[in-house]
Amino acid sequence: MHFNVAQLLQEPSGSKRSCEFNEDLFHFDGDSTVPVWGNVEMLRTDESIWIGVSLDSSIPSECSRCLKELTQKIHVEFDEEYFSRYLGYTEDRGLDEIDESQHIDYDNILDISDAVHQYLLTAVPMKPMCRDDCAGLCVVCGTDLNNSTCECAKSKIDPRWAALKNFTTVLPETRNLSEN
């Protein structure tokens, strides 16, 4: 996602641009792409270009309970600041402390691909589910419990705890302290 900001950098502070995009980015696995669409609001500041991004994506995934393939709809909004090498920055003003991905290159091209990828990566649920009431798979036979039930013994006891199965505790008789 590259935007030419040469004209915006020549305008005074407070100048704005708005761009829409619809592109494919490499998926997190690096082998496939995912569609990403949305808009970018750019604001020229004294020292940089401030961007506000609102984007949506459809990311292929699989349910963490039943392993069915699904497509996750993701919405992300973020703000970032990008600095031009031509706005008078020197090492003593701190340009070397700014992450390289936040620089506008020498051709005045603003690349937000890294930021979009990072924000999408953090927005994907750690344990995606096909639906909220997904029953998952049987731990014994692997049957999809959303479609059918199985006759497996569900109360399998860990042999290390089997000795406690028949253990019962008799609590001492409790007295009511208000009777004394």
N, C-alpha and C. Protein backbone atom coordinates (compact mmCIF):
# COMPACT_ATOMS: atom_id res chain seq x y z
N MET A 1 0.84 -1.16 0.00
CA MET A 1 0.00 0.00 0.00
C MET A 1 0.89 1.23 0.00
N HIS A 2 1.07 1.76 -1.18
CA HIS A 2 1.96 2.89 -1.38
C HIS A 2 1.16 4.10 -1.82
N PHE A 3 1.50 5.25 -1.21
CA PHE A 3 0.83 6.50 -1.53
C PHE A 3 1.89 7.56 -1.82
N ASN A 4 1.73 8.26 -2.93
CA ASN A 4 2.64 9.34 -3.29
C ASN A 4 2.21 10.58 -2.51
N VAL A 5 3.09 11.08 -1.64
CA VAL A 5 2.76 12.22 -0.79
C VAL A 5 3.61 13.44 -1.13
N ALA A 6 4.20 13.47 -2.33
CA ALA A 6 5.07 14.59 -2.72
C ALA A 6 4.32 15.91 -2.66
N GLN A 7 3.13 15.96 -3.20
CA GLN A 7 2.35 17.20 -3.21
C GLN A 7 1.95 17.61 -1.79
N LEU A 8 1.55 16.64 -0.99
CA LEU A 8 1.13 16.94 0.39
C LEU A 8 2.30 17.48 1.21
N LEU A 9 3.52 17.00 0.97
CA LEU A 9 4.68 17.49 1.71
C LEU A 9 5.03 18.94 1.35
N GLN A 10 4.61 19.41 0.19
CA GLN A 10 4.89 20.78 -0.22
C GLN A 10 3.82 21.76 0.27
N GLU A 11 2.72 21.24 0.78
CA GLU A 11 1.62 22.09 1.24
C GLU A 11 1.84 22.47 2.71
N PRO A 12 1.12 23.48 3.20
CA PRO A 12 1.30 23.91 4.59
C PRO A 12 0.69 22.90 5.58
N SER A 13 1.09 23.06 6.82
CA SER A 13 0.54 22.21 7.88
C SER A 13 -0.97 22.34 7.93
N GLY A 14 -1.62 21.24 8.17
CA GLY A 14 -3.08 21.21 8.23
C GLY A 14 -3.72 20.75 6.94
N SER A 15 -2.93 20.61 5.88
CA SER A 15 -3.47 20.12 4.60
C SER A 15 -3.83 18.64 4.75
N LYS A 16 -4.90 18.25 4.06
CA LYS A 16 -5.40 16.88 4.20
C LYS A 16 -5.56 16.21 2.85
N ARG A 17 -5.48 14.90 2.87
CA ARG A 17 -5.77 14.07 1.71
C ARG A 17 -6.52 12.85 2.21
N SER A 18 -7.36 12.32 1.36
CA SER A 18 -8.08 11.10 1.67
C SER A 18 -7.95 10.15 0.48
N CYS A 19 -7.62 8.90 0.75
CA CYS A 19 -7.45 7.90 -0.30
C CYS A 19 -8.15 6.62 0.11
N GLU A 20 -8.77 5.99 -0.85
CA GLU A 20 -9.35 4.66 -0.63
C GLU A 20 -8.42 3.63 -1.24
N PHE A 21 -8.44 2.43 -0.70
CA PHE A 21 -7.60 1.37 -1.23
C PHE A 21 -8.35 0.05 -1.20
N ASN A 22 -7.96 -0.83 -2.08
CA ASN A 22 -8.49 -2.19 -2.16
C ASN A 22 -7.36 -3.03 -2.75
N GLU A 23 -6.62 -3.71 -1.89
CA GLU A 23 -5.44 -4.43 -2.32
C GLU A 23 -5.38 -5.80 -1.66
N ASP A 24 -4.48 -6.61 -2.16
CA ASP A 24 -4.20 -7.91 -1.55
C ASP A 24 -2.85 -7.84 -0.87
N LEU A 25 -2.80 -8.24 0.39
CA LEU A 25 -1.55 -8.31 1.14
C LEU A 25 -1.19 -9.76 1.37
N PHE A 26 0.09 -10.01 1.55
CA PHE A 26 0.49 -11.38 1.86
C PHE A 26 -0.08 -11.79 3.19
N HIS A 27 -0.60 -13.00 3.24
CA HIS A 27 -1.16 -13.57 4.46
C HIS A 27 -0.02 -13.86 5.42
N PHE A 28 -0.34 -14.11 6.65
CA PHE A 28 0.65 -14.33 7.69
C PHE A 28 1.51 -15.56 7.41
N ASP A 29 0.96 -16.53 6.64
CA ASP A 29 1.74 -17.71 6.31
C ASP A 29 2.75 -17.43 5.21
N GLY A 30 2.65 -16.29 4.53
CA GLY A 30 3.60 -15.90 3.50
C GLY A 30 3.35 -16.53 2.14
N ASP A 31 2.41 -17.47 2.03
CA ASP A 31 2.17 -18.16 0.77
C ASP A 31 0.97 -17.63 0.01
N SER A 32 0.00 -17.08 0.71
CA SER A 32 -1.23 -16.63 0.07
C SER A 32 -1.45 -15.15 0.37
N THR A 33 -2.48 -14.59 -0.23
CA THR A 33 -2.80 -13.19 0.00
C THR A 33 -4.20 -13.07 0.59
N VAL A 34 -4.45 -11.97 1.26
CA VAL A 34 -5.77 -11.67 1.81
C VAL A 34 -6.21 -10.31 1.29
N PRO A 35 -7.50 -10.14 1.01
CA PRO A 35 -7.98 -8.83 0.56
C PRO A 35 -8.06 -7.85 1.74
N VAL A 36 -7.66 -6.63 1.47
CA VAL A 36 -7.72 -5.55 2.47
C VAL A 36 -8.28 -4.33 1.76
N TRP A 37 -9.30 -3.71 2.36
CA TRP A 37 -9.90 -2.53 1.76
C TRP A 37 -10.24 -1.53 2.86
N GLY A 38 -10.28 -0.27 2.48
CA GLY A 38 -10.60 0.76 3.46
C GLY A 38 -10.19 2.13 2.96
N ASN A 39 -9.92 3.05 3.90
CA ASN A 39 -9.49 4.39 3.51
C ASN A 39 -8.42 4.91 4.45
N VAL A 40 -7.64 5.86 3.92
CA VAL A 40 -6.55 6.50 4.65
C VAL A 40 -6.79 8.00 4.63
N GLU A 41 -6.76 8.60 5.80
CA GLU A 41 -6.84 10.07 5.93
C GLU A 41 -5.43 10.54 6.28
N MET A 42 -4.87 11.43 5.46
CA MET A 42 -3.52 11.95 5.69
C MET A 42 -3.58 13.41 6.08
N LEU A 43 -2.82 13.79 7.09
CA LEU A 43 -2.77 15.16 7.57
C LEU A 43 -1.32 15.61 7.63
N ARG A 44 -1.02 16.71 6.97
CA ARG A 44 0.34 17.26 6.98
C ARG A 44 0.53 18.02 8.27
N THR A 45 1.57 17.68 9.03
CA THR A 45 1.93 18.41 10.24
C THR A 45 3.23 19.16 9.97
N ASP A 46 3.72 19.89 10.96
CA ASP A 46 4.98 20.61 10.78
C ASP A 46 6.14 19.68 10.46
N GLU A 47 6.15 18.51 11.08
CA GLU A 47 7.31 17.63 10.97
C GLU A 47 7.02 16.30 10.29
N SER A 48 5.77 16.02 9.94
CA SER A 48 5.47 14.67 9.47
C SER A 48 4.14 14.64 8.72
N ILE A 49 3.73 13.44 8.42
CA ILE A 49 2.38 13.18 7.91
C ILE A 49 1.73 12.20 8.87
N TRP A 50 0.61 12.63 9.41
CA TRP A 50 -0.16 11.81 10.35
C TRP A 50 -1.24 11.11 9.54
N ILE A 51 -1.35 9.78 9.70
CA ILE A 51 -2.38 9.06 8.96
C ILE A 51 -3.35 8.40 9.92
N GLY A 52 -4.59 8.34 9.51
CA GLY A 52 -5.64 7.60 10.20
C GLY A 52 -6.17 6.57 9.22
N VAL A 53 -6.12 5.32 9.58
CA VAL A 53 -6.51 4.24 8.68
C VAL A 53 -7.70 3.49 9.26
N SER A 54 -8.67 3.23 8.41
CA SER A 54 -9.80 2.37 8.75
C SER A 54 -9.87 1.31 7.67
N LEU A 55 -9.74 0.05 8.06
CA LEU A 55 -9.69 -1.01 7.05
C LEU A 55 -10.45 -2.24 7.49
N ASP A 56 -10.81 -3.04 6.50
CA ASP A 56 -11.50 -4.31 6.72
C ASP A 56 -10.76 -5.37 5.93
N SER A 57 -10.90 -6.62 6.40
CA SER A 57 -10.26 -7.73 5.70
C SER A 57 -11.04 -9.00 5.99
N SER A 58 -10.85 -9.98 5.13
CA SER A 58 -11.41 -11.33 5.31
C SER A 58 -10.25 -12.29 5.36
N ILE A 59 -10.03 -12.89 6.52
CA ILE A 59 -8.86 -13.74 6.71
C ILE A 59 -9.30 -15.19 6.88
N PRO A 60 -8.75 -16.09 6.05
CA PRO A 60 -9.09 -17.51 6.20
C PRO A 60 -8.48 -18.07 7.48
N SER A 61 -9.23 -18.92 8.13
CA SER A 61 -8.78 -19.50 9.40
C SER A 61 -9.48 -20.83 9.60
N GLU A 62 -9.30 -21.43 10.75
CA GLU A 62 -10.06 -22.64 11.09
C GLU A 62 -10.50 -22.54 12.54
N CYS A 63 -11.65 -23.13 12.80
CA CYS A 63 -12.22 -23.10 14.15
C CYS A 63 -11.29 -23.82 15.11
N SER A 64 -11.05 -23.23 16.26
CA SER A 64 -10.15 -23.83 17.23
C SER A 64 -10.80 -25.01 17.97
N ARG A 65 -12.10 -25.20 17.83
CA ARG A 65 -12.79 -26.31 18.49
C ARG A 65 -13.09 -27.47 17.55
N CYS A 66 -13.65 -27.19 16.37
CA CYS A 66 -14.08 -28.28 15.47
C CYS A 66 -13.21 -28.39 14.22
N LEU A 67 -12.27 -27.47 14.03
CA LEU A 67 -11.32 -27.47 12.92
C LEU A 67 -11.94 -27.23 11.55
N LYS A 68 -13.16 -26.70 11.50
CA LYS A 68 -13.77 -26.35 10.21
C LYS A 68 -13.12 -25.08 9.69
N GLU A 69 -12.97 -25.00 8.36
CA GLU A 69 -12.44 -23.78 7.76
C GLU A 69 -13.49 -22.68 7.84
N LEU A 70 -13.03 -21.46 8.08
CA LEU A 70 -13.93 -20.32 8.16
C LEU A 70 -13.20 -19.07 7.69
N THR A 71 -13.95 -18.04 7.43
CA THR A 71 -13.39 -16.75 7.04
C THR A 71 -13.74 -15.74 8.12
N GLN A 72 -12.71 -15.13 8.67
CA GLN A 72 -12.89 -14.15 9.74
C GLN A 72 -12.96 -12.75 9.14
N LYS A 73 -13.99 -12.02 9.49
CA LYS A 73 -14.10 -10.61 9.09
C LYS A 73 -13.41 -9.79 10.16
N ILE A 74 -12.44 -8.99 9.75
CA ILE A 74 -11.64 -8.19 10.68
C ILE A 74 -11.81 -6.71 10.33
N HIS A 75 -12.02 -5.88 11.35
CA HIS A 75 -12.05 -4.42 11.17
C HIS A 75 -10.98 -3.82 12.07
N VAL A 76 -10.16 -2.94 11.50
CA VAL A 76 -9.05 -2.33 12.24
C VAL A 76 -9.05 -0.84 11.97
N GLU A 77 -8.79 -0.07 13.01
CA GLU A 77 -8.57 1.37 12.88
C GLU A 77 -7.31 1.71 13.65
N PHE A 78 -6.45 2.52 13.04
CA PHE A 78 -5.23 2.93 13.72
C PHE A 78 -4.73 4.25 13.18
N ASP A 79 -3.85 4.89 13.96
CA ASP A 79 -3.19 6.13 13.59
C ASP A 79 -1.68 5.90 13.66
N GLU A 80 -0.96 6.47 12.73
CA GLU A 80 0.50 6.39 12.71
C GLU A 80 1.05 7.72 12.21
N GLU A 81 2.32 7.94 12.49
CA GLU A 81 3.00 9.15 12.03
C GLU A 81 4.21 8.73 11.21
N TYR A 82 4.36 9.37 10.04
CA TYR A 82 5.46 9.07 9.13
C TYR A 82 6.27 10.34 8.88
N PHE A 83 7.59 10.16 8.85
CA PHE A 83 8.51 11.30 8.75
C PHE A 83 9.23 11.29 7.41
N SER A 84 9.35 12.48 6.81
CA SER A 84 10.06 12.63 5.54
C SER A 84 11.52 12.91 5.80
N ARG A 85 12.37 12.38 4.96
CA ARG A 85 13.80 12.64 5.07
C ARG A 85 14.14 14.04 4.57
N TYR A 86 13.22 14.70 3.88
CA TYR A 86 13.48 16.01 3.31
C TYR A 86 13.00 17.17 4.17
N LEU A 87 12.41 16.90 5.32
CA LEU A 87 11.87 17.99 6.13
C LEU A 87 12.89 18.56 7.11
N GLY A 88 14.17 18.37 6.83
CA GLY A 88 15.20 18.99 7.65
C GLY A 88 15.63 18.17 8.84
N TYR A 89 15.36 16.87 8.84
CA TYR A 89 15.77 16.05 9.96
C TYR A 89 17.26 15.74 9.88
N THR A 90 17.90 15.77 10.99
CA THR A 90 19.28 15.32 11.11
C THR A 90 19.34 14.36 12.28
N GLU A 91 20.49 13.73 12.45
CA GLU A 91 20.60 12.76 13.53
C GLU A 91 20.38 13.40 14.91
N ASP A 92 20.80 14.68 15.06
CA ASP A 92 20.61 15.32 16.36
C ASP A 92 19.16 15.66 16.65
N ARG A 93 18.26 15.64 15.63
CA ARG A 93 16.84 15.88 15.86
C ARG A 93 16.08 14.58 16.10
N GLY A 94 16.77 13.43 16.02
CA GLY A 94 16.12 12.19 16.41
C GLY A 94 15.64 11.31 15.28
N LEU A 95 16.01 11.57 14.03
CA LEU A 95 15.55 10.72 12.94
C LEU A 95 16.08 9.30 13.07
N ASP A 96 17.27 9.13 13.63
CA ASP A 96 17.85 7.81 13.77
C ASP A 96 17.10 6.98 14.83
N GLU A 97 16.33 7.62 15.71
CA GLU A 97 15.57 6.91 16.72
C GLU A 97 14.21 6.46 16.22
N ILE A 98 13.81 6.94 15.05
CA ILE A 98 12.51 6.58 14.48
C ILE A 98 12.66 5.28 13.72
N ASP A 99 11.71 4.40 13.88
CA ASP A 99 11.71 3.12 13.18
C ASP A 99 11.77 3.35 11.67
N GLU A 100 12.58 2.56 10.98
CA GLU A 100 12.75 2.72 9.53
C GLU A 100 11.43 2.60 8.78
N SER A 101 10.50 1.81 9.29
CA SER A 101 9.22 1.65 8.60
C SER A 101 8.35 2.91 8.70
N GLN A 102 8.75 3.88 9.52
CA GLN A 102 7.99 5.13 9.65
C GLN A 102 8.61 6.27 8.86
N HIS A 103 9.53 5.96 7.98
CA HIS A 103 10.12 6.97 7.11
C HIS A 103 9.39 6.99 5.78
N ILE A 104 9.25 8.15 5.23
CA ILE A 104 8.77 8.31 3.85
C ILE A 104 10.03 8.24 2.99
N ASP A 105 10.03 7.39 1.98
CA ASP A 105 11.27 7.18 1.22
C ASP A 105 11.66 8.41 0.40
N TYR A 106 12.80 8.33 -0.24
CA TYR A 106 13.35 9.47 -0.97
C TYR A 106 12.51 9.85 -2.20
N ASP A 107 11.64 8.96 -2.66
CA ASP A 107 10.76 9.27 -3.77
C ASP A 107 9.41 9.80 -3.30
N ASN A 108 9.31 10.12 -2.01
CA ASN A 108 8.09 10.63 -1.38
C ASN A 108 6.94 9.63 -1.46
N ILE A 109 7.25 8.36 -1.34
CA ILE A 109 6.24 7.31 -1.32
C ILE A 109 6.06 6.84 0.12
N LEU A 110 4.84 6.93 0.59
CA LEU A 110 4.47 6.48 1.94
C LEU A 110 3.98 5.05 1.84
N ASP A 111 4.66 4.13 2.50
CA ASP A 111 4.32 2.71 2.47
C ASP A 111 3.75 2.32 3.83
N ILE A 112 2.47 1.97 3.86
CA ILE A 112 1.84 1.59 5.13
C ILE A 112 1.63 0.07 5.24
N SER A 113 2.23 -0.69 4.34
CA SER A 113 2.03 -2.14 4.33
C SER A 113 2.44 -2.79 5.64
N ASP A 114 3.59 -2.41 6.21
CA ASP A 114 4.05 -3.02 7.46
C ASP A 114 3.08 -2.73 8.60
N ALA A 115 2.61 -1.49 8.70
CA ALA A 115 1.68 -1.14 9.77
C ALA A 115 0.37 -1.90 9.62
N VAL A 116 -0.14 -1.98 8.40
CA VAL A 116 -1.40 -2.71 8.16
C VAL A 116 -1.22 -4.17 8.55
N HIS A 117 -0.12 -4.77 8.15
CA HIS A 117 0.14 -6.17 8.47
C HIS A 117 0.20 -6.38 9.98
N GLN A 118 0.90 -5.51 10.70
CA GLN A 118 1.02 -5.65 12.15
C GLN A 118 -0.31 -5.47 12.86
N TYR A 119 -1.09 -4.48 12.45
CA TYR A 119 -2.39 -4.26 13.10
C TYR A 119 -3.37 -5.39 12.78
N LEU A 120 -3.33 -5.92 11.57
CA LEU A 120 -4.19 -7.07 11.24
C LEU A 120 -3.78 -8.29 12.06
N LEU A 121 -2.49 -8.49 12.20
CA LEU A 121 -2.00 -9.64 12.95
C LEU A 121 -2.47 -9.60 14.40
N THR A 122 -2.49 -8.42 15.00
CA THR A 122 -2.94 -8.31 16.39
C THR A 122 -4.46 -8.37 16.52
N ALA A 123 -5.19 -8.12 15.44
CA ALA A 123 -6.65 -8.14 15.51
C ALA A 123 -7.25 -9.52 15.30
N VAL A 124 -6.47 -10.45 14.78
CA VAL A 124 -6.98 -11.80 14.54
C VAL A 124 -7.14 -12.51 15.89
N PRO A 125 -8.30 -13.10 16.17
CA PRO A 125 -8.50 -13.80 17.45
C PRO A 125 -7.52 -14.96 17.60
N MET A 126 -7.06 -15.17 18.83
CA MET A 126 -6.12 -16.26 19.08
C MET A 126 -6.78 -17.61 18.91
N LYS A 127 -8.03 -17.71 19.28
CA LYS A 127 -8.77 -18.96 19.16
C LYS A 127 -10.06 -18.68 18.41
N PRO A 128 -9.99 -18.65 17.09
CA PRO A 128 -11.21 -18.36 16.32
C PRO A 128 -12.21 -19.51 16.43
N MET A 129 -13.50 -19.17 16.41
CA MET A 129 -14.55 -20.18 16.46
C MET A 129 -15.54 -19.94 15.34
N CYS A 130 -16.08 -21.04 14.81
CA CYS A 130 -17.05 -20.93 13.71
C CYS A 130 -18.36 -20.32 14.20
N ARG A 131 -18.69 -20.56 15.44
CA ARG A 131 -19.86 -19.95 16.07
C ARG A 131 -19.67 -20.00 17.59
N ASP A 132 -20.42 -19.20 18.31
CA ASP A 132 -20.22 -19.09 19.75
C ASP A 132 -20.52 -20.37 20.50
N ASP A 133 -21.48 -21.16 20.01
CA ASP A 133 -21.86 -22.39 20.72
C ASP A 133 -21.24 -23.64 20.09
N CYS A 134 -20.09 -23.51 19.47
CA CYS A 134 -19.42 -24.66 18.84
C CYS A 134 -19.09 -25.69 19.91
N ALA A 135 -19.53 -26.93 19.70
CA ALA A 135 -19.30 -28.01 20.67
C ALA A 135 -17.94 -28.67 20.49
N GLY A 136 -17.32 -28.51 19.34
CA GLY A 136 -15.99 -29.05 19.11
C GLY A 136 -16.00 -30.52 18.73
N LEU A 137 -14.86 -31.16 18.96
CA LEU A 137 -14.68 -32.57 18.65
C LEU A 137 -14.62 -33.39 19.92
N CYS A 138 -15.07 -34.64 19.84
CA CYS A 138 -14.96 -35.56 20.98
C CYS A 138 -13.48 -35.85 21.20
N VAL A 139 -13.03 -35.77 22.43
CA VAL A 139 -11.62 -35.99 22.73
C VAL A 139 -11.22 -37.46 22.61
N VAL A 140 -12.20 -38.36 22.60
CA VAL A 140 -11.90 -39.79 22.52
C VAL A 140 -11.93 -40.28 21.08
N CYS A 141 -13.05 -40.05 20.36
CA CYS A 141 -13.20 -40.61 19.02
C CYS A 141 -13.07 -39.59 17.89
N GLY A 142 -13.09 -38.29 18.19
CA GLY A 142 -12.92 -37.27 17.17
C GLY A 142 -14.19 -36.89 16.43
N THR A 143 -15.35 -37.35 16.87
CA THR A 143 -16.61 -37.01 16.21
C THR A 143 -16.91 -35.53 16.38
N ASP A 144 -17.39 -34.91 15.31
CA ASP A 144 -17.80 -33.51 15.38
C ASP A 144 -19.10 -33.44 16.17
N LEU A 145 -19.04 -32.89 17.36
CA LEU A 145 -20.20 -32.86 18.26
C LEU A 145 -21.25 -31.83 17.84
N ASN A 146 -20.96 -31.02 16.84
CA ASN A 146 -21.96 -30.10 16.29
C ASN A 146 -22.96 -30.85 15.43
N ASN A 147 -22.53 -31.94 14.80
CA ASN A 147 -23.36 -32.69 13.87
C ASN A 147 -24.00 -33.93 14.49
N SER A 148 -23.33 -34.56 15.43
CA SER A 148 -23.86 -35.78 16.04
C SER A 148 -23.27 -35.95 17.43
N THR A 149 -23.82 -36.92 18.14
CA THR A 149 -23.29 -37.24 19.46
C THR A 149 -22.57 -38.58 19.38
N CYS A 150 -21.76 -38.85 20.36
CA CYS A 150 -21.05 -40.13 20.39
C CYS A 150 -21.32 -40.81 21.73
N GLU A 151 -20.97 -42.06 21.82
CA GLU A 151 -21.24 -42.85 23.02
C GLU A 151 -19.97 -43.06 23.84
N CYS A 152 -18.98 -42.24 23.66
CA CYS A 152 -17.73 -42.39 24.39
C CYS A 152 -17.93 -42.05 25.87
N ALA A 153 -17.13 -42.69 26.69
CA ALA A 153 -17.18 -42.42 28.13
C ALA A 153 -16.56 -41.05 28.37
N LYS A 154 -17.36 -40.16 28.88
CA LYS A 154 -16.89 -38.79 29.09
C LYS A 154 -16.22 -38.59 30.44
N SER A 155 -16.42 -39.53 31.35
CA SER A 155 -15.90 -39.35 32.70
C SER A 155 -14.64 -40.18 32.93
N LYS A 156 -13.75 -40.20 31.97
CA LYS A 156 -12.49 -40.90 32.13
C LYS A 156 -11.68 -40.20 33.22
N ILE A 157 -11.19 -40.97 34.17
CA ILE A 157 -10.48 -40.40 35.31
C ILE A 157 -8.99 -40.64 35.11
N ASP A 158 -8.24 -39.61 35.36
CA ASP A 158 -6.78 -39.69 35.29
C ASP A 158 -6.33 -40.69 36.35
N PRO A 159 -5.53 -41.71 35.98
CA PRO A 159 -5.14 -42.74 36.96
C PRO A 159 -4.37 -42.18 38.15
N ARG A 160 -3.75 -41.05 38.01
CA ARG A 160 -3.02 -40.47 39.13
C ARG A 160 -3.97 -39.96 40.21
N TRP A 161 -5.22 -39.67 39.83
CA TRP A 161 -6.21 -39.16 40.77
C TRP A 161 -7.26 -40.21 41.14
N ALA A 162 -7.13 -41.40 40.62
CA ALA A 162 -8.14 -42.44 40.84
C ALA A 162 -8.31 -42.79 42.31
N ALA A 163 -7.25 -42.70 43.08
CA ALA A 163 -7.33 -43.04 44.51
C ALA A 163 -8.25 -42.09 45.26
N LEU A 164 -8.43 -40.91 44.76
CA LEU A 164 -9.29 -39.94 45.44
C LEU A 164 -10.77 -40.11 45.11
N LYS A 165 -11.07 -41.01 44.17
CA LYS A 165 -12.46 -41.18 43.73
C LYS A 165 -13.38 -41.59 44.87
N ASN A 166 -12.92 -42.48 45.70
CA ASN A 166 -13.76 -42.98 46.79
C ASN A 166 -13.50 -42.25 48.10
N PHE A 167 -12.68 -41.26 48.09
CA PHE A 167 -12.35 -40.53 49.29
C PHE A 167 -13.45 -39.53 49.61
N THR A 168 -13.97 -39.62 50.81
CA THR A 168 -14.96 -38.65 51.27
C THR A 168 -14.50 -38.10 52.61
N THR A 169 -14.86 -36.89 52.84
CA THR A 169 -14.45 -36.23 54.07
C THR A 169 -15.68 -36.04 54.95
N VAL A 170 -15.52 -36.39 56.21
CA VAL A 170 -16.58 -36.13 57.17
C VAL A 170 -16.19 -34.86 57.90
N LEU A 171 -16.99 -33.85 57.74
CA LEU A 171 -16.71 -32.59 58.39
C LEU A 171 -17.12 -32.67 59.84
N PRO A 172 -16.33 -32.09 60.71
CA PRO A 172 -16.73 -32.08 62.13
C PRO A 172 -18.03 -31.31 62.30
N GLU A 173 -18.74 -31.69 63.32
CA GLU A 173 -20.02 -31.05 63.58
C GLU A 173 -19.78 -29.58 63.89
N THR A 174 -20.52 -28.75 63.24
CA THR A 174 -20.33 -27.32 63.47
C THR A 174 -21.33 -26.86 64.51
N ARG A 175 -20.85 -25.99 65.36
CA ARG A 175 -21.72 -25.46 66.39
C ARG A 175 -22.12 -24.05 66.04
N ASN A 176 -23.26 -23.70 66.42
CA ASN A 176 -23.71 -22.34 66.21
C ASN A 176 -23.16 -21.51 67.37
N LEU A 177 -22.32 -20.56 67.07
CA LEU A 177 -21.68 -19.76 68.11
C LEU A 177 -22.67 -18.85 68.83
N SER A 178 -23.79 -18.60 68.24
CA SER A 178 -24.74 -17.73 68.90
C SER A 178 -25.48 -18.45 70.03
N GLU A 179 -25.35 -19.78 70.11
CA GLU A 179 -26.03 -20.52 71.17
C GLU A 179 -25.31 -20.38 72.49
N ASN A 180 -24.06 -20.08 72.49
CA ASN A 180 -23.29 -19.99 73.75
C ASN A 180 -23.53 -18.74 74.48
